[in-house]
């Protein structure tokens, strides 16, 4: 019996995980327009998620994917050290790691921005499943929310509050465009079907905003192949929507990724109303500013009736 078999026998859903095999992919960064080559590699226990810029030599080229290493949230989530290196547009890959319970992995990249692929996490989920997931001989810890923490900016709102089990995301958006309007979704991150319900939701933008971003040298890699584009009340993509409420599902996807920069699975409920990368990062910073807001728990030592979807994630 291997160590992995022993872990599966003892606590299949409550151990740390990494990739079974390395896997690589190539794509275009939506903002930079640059081609990026990426290799995702298995990593040892307790390492966490680390991004490594292999195109940077003779200086710091690594950053751990944690909320306090987020240096920009204007158009995406950008990790960095504030000086020598950064890696942007990490939220879709982070969402996939979160949903599949990947605790430890090294992501090597030769560019400052991760590929956007098709604008969703659908292909990231395919890559993780292709690489396989390996249970590791180390207990899994979670961030248990003890007190409600709120960030209210008037037009946008986000909160984390205590919950009995798992992580539930409750998200609401509203836009004047009839193509979007008011949309709401509730998603159970560990008990729901990430690949079916959330992973395929694409990033979106408005035509006039995209034209402006292109005029100032941004969104160089954006196209109808990797984003939903709205012009007034019309969706320009010929293939239409993947879900009736694809827009709010994508915002939920972003939240799944951004919340994983906490460094942990979360036992709590996240509510977002017109929220984005920035307000979620502020929320995490507010949470960790006061140690009485949370508790780090070993899931093997508490009663935690997590749904079996997490256990099944290693049995593709």
Protein backbone atom coordinates (compact mmCIF):
# COMPACT_ATOMS: atom_id res chain seq x y z
CA UNK A 1 0.00 0.00 0.00
CA UNK A 2 1.42 3.39 -0.99
CA UNK A 3 1.38 6.52 1.18
CA UNK A 4 -1.33 7.92 -1.08
CA UNK A 5 -3.47 4.81 -0.56
CA UNK A 6 -3.04 5.13 3.21
CA UNK A 7 -4.21 8.74 3.11
CA UNK A 8 -7.22 7.79 1.01
CA UNK A 9 -8.04 5.11 3.58
CA UNK A 10 -7.79 7.48 6.56
CA UNK A 11 -9.17 10.83 5.36
CA UNK A 12 -9.53 11.12 1.58
CA UNK A 13 -11.08 14.58 1.62
CA UNK A 14 -9.00 16.16 4.38
CA UNK A 15 -5.39 15.90 3.20
CA UNK A 16 -3.33 18.37 1.18
CA UNK A 17 -3.13 17.83 -2.56
CA UNK A 18 -0.83 18.55 -5.45
CA UNK A 19 -0.75 17.63 -9.13
CA UNK A 20 0.11 14.04 -9.99
CA UNK A 21 2.15 15.06 -13.05
CA UNK A 22 3.55 18.29 -14.53
CA UNK A 23 1.58 19.79 -17.39
CA UNK A 24 2.31 22.69 -19.74
CA UNK A 25 0.29 25.03 -21.94
CA UNK A 26 0.71 28.17 -24.03
CA UNK A 27 -1.58 31.11 -24.67
CA UNK A 28 -2.02 34.86 -25.03
CA UNK A 29 -2.35 37.34 -22.18
CA UNK A 30 -5.60 39.29 -22.56
CA UNK A 31 -4.09 42.59 -21.40
CA UNK A 32 -0.48 42.31 -22.58
CA UNK A 33 -1.14 40.44 -25.81
CA UNK A 34 2.06 38.52 -25.12
CA UNK A 35 2.46 34.77 -25.58
CA UNK A 36 3.06 33.00 -22.28
CA UNK A 37 4.44 29.50 -21.79
CA UNK A 38 3.34 27.90 -18.54
CA UNK A 39 4.34 24.72 -16.72
CA UNK A 40 2.38 23.61 -13.64
CA UNK A 41 4.41 21.29 -11.43
CA UNK A 42 3.73 19.15 -8.34
CA UNK A 43 4.99 20.73 -5.11
CA UNK A 44 5.79 19.53 -1.57
CA UNK A 45 3.42 19.75 1.38
CA UNK A 46 2.86 23.13 3.01
CA UNK A 47 4.36 25.04 0.07
CA UNK A 48 1.11 26.56 -1.13
CA UNK A 49 0.60 28.00 -4.61
CA UNK A 50 3.74 29.66 -5.96
CA UNK A 51 4.13 31.51 -9.25
CA UNK A 52 7.66 31.62 -10.65
CA UNK A 53 8.76 33.95 -13.47
CA UNK A 54 11.41 31.89 -15.27
CA UNK A 55 12.14 34.81 -17.63
CA UNK A 56 13.57 36.81 -14.70
CA UNK A 57 17.18 36.08 -13.75
CA UNK A 58 19.49 37.21 -10.93
CA UNK A 59 16.70 38.67 -8.80
CA UNK A 60 13.60 37.54 -6.96
CA UNK A 61 11.32 35.69 -9.39
CA UNK A 62 8.80 33.94 -7.12
CA UNK A 63 5.62 35.02 -5.40
CA UNK A 64 3.24 33.06 -3.19
CA UNK A 65 -0.42 33.41 -4.16
CA UNK A 66 -1.68 35.12 -1.02
CA UNK A 67 -3.87 38.17 -0.46
CA UNK A 68 -0.97 40.22 0.96
CA UNK A 69 0.99 39.69 -2.25
CA UNK A 70 -1.79 41.15 -4.41
CA UNK A 71 -0.36 44.38 -5.85
CA UNK A 72 -3.05 45.38 -8.36
CA UNK A 73 -6.77 44.67 -8.85
CA UNK A 74 -7.81 47.21 -11.50
CA UNK A 75 -8.52 44.83 -14.38
CA UNK A 76 -7.58 41.49 -12.83
CA UNK A 77 -5.79 40.04 -9.82
CA UNK A 78 -2.06 40.70 -10.01
CA UNK A 79 0.47 39.13 -7.64
CA UNK A 80 3.93 40.54 -7.06
CA UNK A 81 6.60 41.76 -4.70
CA UNK A 82 6.03 45.41 -5.54
CA UNK A 83 9.52 45.73 -6.98
CA UNK A 84 11.05 43.19 -9.33
CA UNK A 85 8.31 40.85 -10.48
CA UNK A 86 4.59 40.37 -10.96
CA UNK A 87 2.17 37.87 -12.48
CA UNK A 88 -1.29 39.06 -13.50
CA UNK A 89 -4.67 37.53 -14.38
CA UNK A 90 -4.24 34.65 -11.94
CA UNK A 91 -7.86 34.49 -10.74
CA UNK A 92 -9.23 31.84 -13.13
CA UNK A 93 -6.39 29.41 -12.48
CA UNK A 94 -6.62 30.09 -8.73
CA UNK A 95 -10.36 29.33 -8.88
CA UNK A 96 -9.58 25.98 -10.48
CA UNK A 97 -6.99 25.11 -7.84
CA UNK A 98 -9.50 26.08 -5.15
CA UNK A 99 -12.34 24.01 -6.57
CA UNK A 100 -10.14 20.94 -7.10
CA UNK A 101 -8.51 21.25 -3.69
CA UNK A 102 -4.97 21.82 -4.99
CA UNK A 103 -3.01 22.91 -1.92
CA UNK A 104 0.51 22.90 -3.36
CA UNK A 105 1.74 23.63 -6.88
CA UNK A 106 4.46 25.61 -8.60
CA UNK A 107 3.40 27.55 -11.70
CA UNK A 108 6.34 28.48 -13.89
CA UNK A 109 5.70 31.18 -16.47
CA UNK A 110 7.92 33.10 -18.90
CA UNK A 111 5.70 36.19 -19.12
CA UNK A 112 4.11 38.75 -16.76
CA UNK A 113 0.57 37.54 -17.50
CA UNK A 114 -1.14 34.16 -17.48
CA UNK A 115 -2.89 33.15 -20.72
CA UNK A 116 -6.58 34.06 -20.85
CA UNK A 117 -7.37 30.93 -22.93
CA UNK A 118 -11.12 31.14 -23.70
CA UNK A 119 -11.82 33.69 -20.94
CA UNK A 120 -13.14 31.11 -18.49
CA UNK A 121 -11.69 28.35 -16.30
CA UNK A 122 -12.97 25.54 -18.52
CA UNK A 123 -9.57 24.78 -20.05
CA UNK A 124 -7.79 25.15 -16.71
CA UNK A 125 -10.10 22.48 -15.30
CA UNK A 126 -9.22 20.25 -18.28
CA UNK A 127 -5.50 20.79 -17.63
CA UNK A 128 -5.81 19.91 -13.92
CA UNK A 129 -7.78 16.77 -14.73
CA UNK A 130 -5.23 15.82 -17.40
CA UNK A 131 -2.36 16.24 -14.94
CA UNK A 132 -4.21 14.34 -12.23
CA UNK A 133 -4.50 15.14 -8.53
CA UNK A 134 -2.40 13.48 -5.84
CA UNK A 135 -3.22 13.25 -2.14
CA UNK A 136 -0.30 14.15 0.13
CA UNK A 137 0.73 12.91 3.55
CA UNK A 138 -0.19 16.09 5.41
CA UNK A 139 -3.41 17.28 7.09
CA UNK A 140 -5.59 19.88 5.43
CA UNK A 141 -6.35 23.06 7.33
CA UNK A 142 -9.14 25.52 6.73
CA UNK A 143 -9.99 29.10 7.55
CA UNK A 144 -13.11 29.15 9.72
CA UNK A 145 -14.89 32.50 9.83
CA UNK A 146 -15.88 33.39 13.41
CA UNK A 147 -17.14 36.97 12.99
CA UNK A 148 -18.84 38.75 10.11
CA UNK A 149 -16.50 41.08 8.25
CA UNK A 150 -17.99 43.65 5.85
CA UNK A 151 -16.62 46.02 3.24
CA UNK A 152 -19.26 48.46 2.03
CA UNK A 153 -18.18 51.00 -0.58
CA UNK A 154 -21.67 52.22 -1.41
CA UNK A 155 -21.86 50.95 -4.97
CA UNK A 156 -20.17 47.67 -4.06
CA UNK A 157 -20.47 45.36 -1.06
CA UNK A 158 -18.71 42.22 0.13
CA UNK A 159 -18.82 40.21 3.34
CA UNK A 160 -17.59 37.02 4.93
CA UNK A 161 -19.70 35.53 7.70
CA UNK A 162 -19.73 32.32 9.76
CA UNK A 163 -21.30 29.19 8.31
CA UNK A 164 -21.64 25.62 9.46
CA UNK A 165 -20.02 23.89 6.51
CA UNK A 166 -18.05 24.63 3.38
CA UNK A 167 -17.91 27.84 1.40
CA UNK A 168 -21.07 29.29 -0.12
CA UNK A 169 -20.83 32.24 -2.48
CA UNK A 170 -23.87 34.46 -2.91
CA UNK A 171 -23.34 36.95 -5.73
CA UNK A 172 -25.45 39.65 -7.32
CA UNK A 173 -24.72 42.06 -10.17
CA UNK A 174 -26.77 44.70 -11.96
CA UNK A 175 -26.02 46.60 -15.16
CA UNK A 176 -28.23 49.01 -17.14
CA UNK A 177 -27.65 46.98 -20.31
CA UNK A 178 -30.62 44.72 -21.06
CA UNK A 179 -28.13 42.07 -22.18
CA UNK A 180 -27.16 41.67 -18.52
CA UNK A 181 -29.65 43.41 -16.22
CA UNK A 182 -29.86 42.08 -12.65
CA UNK A 183 -28.46 38.60 -12.07
CA UNK A 184 -27.97 36.47 -8.96
CA UNK A 185 -26.43 33.10 -8.20
CA UNK A 186 -25.61 31.02 -5.13
CA UNK A 187 -22.83 28.47 -5.44
CA UNK A 188 -21.46 25.88 -3.00
CA UNK A 189 -17.73 25.80 -3.82
CA UNK A 190 -16.94 22.41 -2.26
CA UNK A 191 -20.29 20.71 -2.70
CA UNK A 192 -21.31 22.07 -6.09
CA UNK A 193 -20.22 21.08 -9.59
CA UNK A 194 -17.55 23.66 -10.46
CA UNK A 195 -16.82 22.32 -13.94
CA UNK A 196 -20.49 22.21 -14.95
CA UNK A 197 -21.86 25.33 -13.26
CA UNK A 198 -19.06 27.89 -12.97
CA UNK A 199 -15.87 27.00 -14.88
CA UNK A 200 -17.29 27.73 -18.34
CA UNK A 201 -18.43 31.28 -17.58
CA UNK A 202 -16.37 33.77 -19.60
CA UNK A 203 -15.01 37.17 -18.69
CA UNK A 204 -16.95 40.07 -20.16
CA UNK A 205 -16.64 43.70 -21.06
CA UNK A 206 -18.37 46.54 -22.88
CA UNK A 207 -17.33 47.50 -26.38
CA UNK A 208 -16.66 51.16 -25.55
CA UNK A 209 -14.53 50.20 -22.53
CA UNK A 210 -12.52 47.68 -24.57
CA UNK A 211 -11.92 50.25 -27.32
CA UNK A 212 -10.63 52.71 -24.72
CA UNK A 213 -8.36 50.12 -23.11
CA UNK A 214 -6.91 49.23 -26.50
CA UNK A 215 -6.29 52.92 -27.21
CA UNK A 216 -4.06 53.17 -24.12
CA UNK A 217 -2.18 49.96 -24.86
CA UNK A 218 -4.20 47.52 -22.75
CA UNK A 219 -6.48 44.61 -23.67
CA UNK A 220 -4.12 43.83 -26.55
CA UNK A 221 -5.01 40.14 -26.49
CA UNK A 222 -8.75 40.56 -26.06
CA UNK A 223 -11.16 39.25 -28.68
CA UNK A 224 -14.53 37.60 -29.11
CA UNK A 225 -12.65 34.32 -28.78
CA UNK A 226 -11.81 34.97 -25.12
CA UNK A 227 -14.47 37.33 -23.78
CA UNK A 228 -18.14 38.18 -23.93
CA UNK A 229 -18.48 41.65 -25.44
CA UNK A 230 -21.59 43.75 -24.87
CA UNK A 231 -22.49 46.68 -27.13
CA UNK A 232 -25.46 48.55 -25.68
CA UNK A 233 -28.11 45.87 -25.22
CA UNK A 234 -26.50 43.43 -27.65
CA UNK A 235 -24.07 40.57 -27.09
CA UNK A 236 -21.62 40.58 -30.00
CA UNK A 237 -20.47 36.96 -29.68
CA UNK A 238 -22.11 34.91 -32.41
CA UNK A 239 -22.21 31.78 -30.26
CA UNK A 240 -24.25 33.60 -27.60
CA UNK A 241 -24.20 32.66 -23.92
CA UNK A 242 -23.14 29.41 -22.28
CA UNK A 243 -25.51 30.05 -19.35
CA UNK A 244 -28.54 32.33 -19.10
CA UNK A 245 -26.78 34.17 -16.27
CA UNK A 246 -23.21 33.73 -17.50
CA UNK A 247 -22.18 37.21 -16.38
CA UNK A 248 -22.83 36.67 -12.68
CA UNK A 249 -21.44 33.14 -12.87
CA UNK A 250 -18.17 34.62 -14.14
CA UNK A 251 -18.08 37.08 -11.25
CA UNK A 252 -18.57 34.09 -8.97
CA UNK A 253 -15.67 32.33 -10.70
CA UNK A 254 -13.47 35.35 -9.99
CA UNK A 255 -14.51 35.30 -6.34
CA UNK A 256 -13.66 31.59 -6.00
CA UNK A 257 -10.16 32.40 -7.24
CA UNK A 258 -9.64 35.57 -5.25
CA UNK A 259 -10.81 33.95 -2.01
CA UNK A 260 -8.19 31.23 -2.41
CA UNK A 261 -5.52 33.89 -1.90
CA UNK A 262 -6.50 33.49 1.76
CA UNK A 263 -4.20 30.45 1.54
CA UNK A 264 -6.92 28.11 2.78
CA UNK A 265 -10.19 26.43 2.11
CA UNK A 266 -12.84 28.52 3.86
CA UNK A 267 -15.66 27.58 6.19
CA UNK A 268 -17.98 30.54 5.77
CA UNK A 269 -20.30 32.43 3.48
CA UNK A 270 -19.19 35.11 1.03
CA UNK A 271 -21.69 37.68 -0.20
CA UNK A 272 -20.82 39.97 -3.08
CA UNK A 273 -23.01 42.71 -4.53
CA UNK A 274 -21.45 44.46 -7.53
CA UNK A 275 -18.13 43.40 -6.02
CA UNK A 276 -14.84 42.83 -7.84
CA UNK A 277 -11.21 41.83 -7.33
CA UNK A 278 -10.39 44.95 -5.34
CA UNK A 279 -13.13 44.75 -2.75
CA UNK A 280 -12.55 41.01 -2.20
CA UNK A 281 -8.88 41.68 -1.52
CA UNK A 282 -9.78 44.48 0.90
CA UNK A 283 -12.17 42.05 2.61
CA UNK A 284 -9.42 39.47 3.13
CA UNK A 285 -7.04 42.10 4.44
CA UNK A 286 -9.73 43.27 6.88
CA UNK A 287 -10.40 39.69 7.96
CA UNK A 288 -6.77 38.90 8.75
CA UNK A 289 -6.18 42.24 10.48
CA UNK A 290 -8.02 40.93 13.55
CA UNK A 291 -7.21 37.41 14.70
CA UNK A 292 -10.54 37.16 16.53
CA UNK A 293 -12.31 37.14 13.14
CA UNK A 294 -11.18 33.63 12.25
CA UNK A 295 -9.66 30.36 13.34
CA UNK A 296 -7.34 28.00 11.48
CA UNK A 297 -8.72 24.48 11.96
CA UNK A 298 -7.52 20.99 11.10
CA UNK A 299 -10.39 19.43 9.19
CA UNK A 300 -9.46 15.97 10.46
CA UNK A 301 -10.13 17.08 14.04
CA UNK A 302 -13.52 18.73 13.68
CA UNK A 303 -16.95 17.68 12.52
CA UNK A 304 -17.10 18.99 8.98
CA UNK A 305 -19.81 17.40 6.82
CA UNK A 306 -18.28 18.44 3.50
CA UNK A 307 -20.03 17.15 0.40
CA UNK A 308 -18.48 14.17 -1.36
CA UNK A 309 -17.70 16.23 -4.48
CA UNK A 310 -14.33 17.14 -2.98
CA UNK A 311 -13.46 13.48 -2.39
CA UNK A 312 -14.50 12.63 -5.95
CA UNK A 313 -12.18 15.30 -7.39
CA UNK A 314 -9.25 12.84 -7.32
CA UNK A 315 -11.24 10.12 -9.09
CA UNK A 316 -11.74 11.55 -12.58
